């Protein structure tokens, strides 16, 4: 393999995959025993293909985000923290 560069095709994690792994970790006994900062009713934001004509932005509780289909990549997943009032107003447009 000297000097021969072999690249794997890109693999992208979807928002649904990320959320399902987080939900599984929250529901696992390990997290329950030690407590979790993140809860299933906390709001999060899923974004797909931002800036394109078919972009998708969804804001909903973590438990509902598992059911949302975002389509093709690229995806971004954001867990909300404390929001500025202007951010809250803007995100109301995308809340399920």
Protein backbone atom coordinates (compact mmCIF):
# COMPACT_ATOMS: atom_id res chain seq x y z
CA UNK A 1 0.00 0.00 0.00
CA UNK A 2 3.06 2.24 -0.19
CA UNK A 3 2.12 5.59 -1.64
CA UNK A 4 -1.37 4.44 -2.49
CA UNK A 5 -4.04 6.61 -0.90
CA UNK A 6 -7.38 4.92 -0.35
CA UNK A 7 -10.29 6.98 0.86
CA UNK A 8 -13.56 5.63 2.19
CA UNK A 9 -16.77 7.17 0.92
CA UNK A 10 -18.16 9.84 3.25
CA UNK A 11 -20.70 8.73 5.84
CA UNK A 12 -22.98 11.23 7.48
CA UNK A 13 -24.90 10.76 10.72
CA UNK A 14 -28.49 11.90 10.42
CA UNK A 15 -30.33 13.88 13.08
CA UNK A 16 -32.57 10.86 13.66
CA UNK A 17 -29.57 8.60 14.30
CA UNK A 18 -28.03 11.10 16.74
CA UNK A 19 -31.30 11.63 18.62
CA UNK A 20 -32.03 7.91 18.86
CA UNK A 21 -28.58 7.32 20.39
CA UNK A 22 -29.12 10.15 22.89
CA UNK A 23 -32.60 8.87 23.81
CA UNK A 24 -31.19 5.37 24.26
CA UNK A 25 -28.49 6.74 26.57
CA UNK A 26 -31.03 8.73 28.61
CA UNK A 27 -33.26 5.69 28.99
CA UNK A 28 -30.40 3.37 29.90
CA UNK A 29 -29.96 2.32 33.49
CA UNK A 30 -26.49 3.86 33.68
CA UNK A 31 -27.77 7.40 33.04
CA UNK A 32 -30.79 6.90 35.30
CA UNK A 33 -28.58 5.83 38.19
CA UNK A 34 -26.32 8.87 37.91
CA UNK A 35 -28.93 11.38 36.80
CA UNK A 36 -29.03 13.20 33.49
CA UNK A 37 -28.90 16.87 32.70
CA UNK A 38 -30.80 16.22 29.47
CA UNK A 39 -34.41 15.06 29.59
CA UNK A 40 -36.75 13.71 26.91
CA UNK A 41 -38.98 16.81 27.08
CA UNK A 42 -36.08 19.25 26.48
CA UNK A 43 -36.32 21.12 23.20
CA UNK A 44 -33.82 20.60 20.41
CA UNK A 45 -33.40 21.79 16.83
CA UNK A 46 -32.75 19.70 13.74
CA UNK A 47 -31.50 21.30 10.54
CA UNK A 48 -30.92 19.86 7.08
CA UNK A 49 -29.41 21.43 3.95
CA UNK A 50 -29.42 24.93 5.43
CA UNK A 51 -29.23 27.63 2.79
CA UNK A 52 -30.61 25.50 -0.03
CA UNK A 53 -34.08 25.69 -1.54
CA UNK A 54 -35.18 22.52 0.23
CA UNK A 55 -33.81 23.27 3.69
CA UNK A 56 -35.62 21.86 6.69
CA UNK A 57 -35.59 23.28 10.20
CA UNK A 58 -37.57 21.65 13.01
CA UNK A 59 -37.76 22.49 16.71
CA UNK A 60 -39.44 20.01 19.05
CA UNK A 61 -38.87 17.99 22.24
CA UNK A 62 -36.17 15.35 22.07
CA UNK A 63 -38.75 12.55 22.30
CA UNK A 64 -40.54 13.80 19.13
CA UNK A 65 -37.37 14.50 17.14
CA UNK A 66 -36.82 10.75 16.69
CA UNK A 67 -39.89 10.62 14.41
CA UNK A 68 -38.95 13.54 12.13
CA UNK A 69 -37.54 12.72 8.68
CA UNK A 70 -34.98 15.23 7.41
CA UNK A 71 -34.10 13.71 4.05
CA UNK A 72 -30.64 13.80 2.52
CA UNK A 73 -27.53 15.24 4.28
CA UNK A 74 -26.02 17.48 5.51
CA UNK A 75 -27.69 17.55 8.91
CA UNK A 76 -27.07 19.50 12.10
CA UNK A 77 -28.48 18.80 15.56
CA UNK A 78 -28.63 21.42 18.33
CA UNK A 79 -29.67 20.96 21.95
CA UNK A 80 -31.15 24.19 23.26
CA UNK A 81 -29.76 26.01 26.22
CA UNK A 82 -31.01 29.26 27.66
CA UNK A 83 -32.32 31.34 24.77
CA UNK A 84 -32.42 35.09 24.20
CA UNK A 85 -36.00 36.38 23.69
CA UNK A 86 -35.24 37.11 20.01
CA UNK A 87 -34.05 33.54 19.52
CA UNK A 88 -37.23 32.23 21.14
CA UNK A 89 -39.38 34.34 18.80
CA UNK A 90 -37.52 33.11 15.73
CA UNK A 91 -37.62 29.46 16.77
CA UNK A 92 -41.41 29.61 17.29
CA UNK A 93 -41.66 29.63 13.49
CA UNK A 94 -40.13 26.13 13.36
CA UNK A 95 -41.71 24.55 16.45
CA UNK A 96 -43.83 21.41 15.95
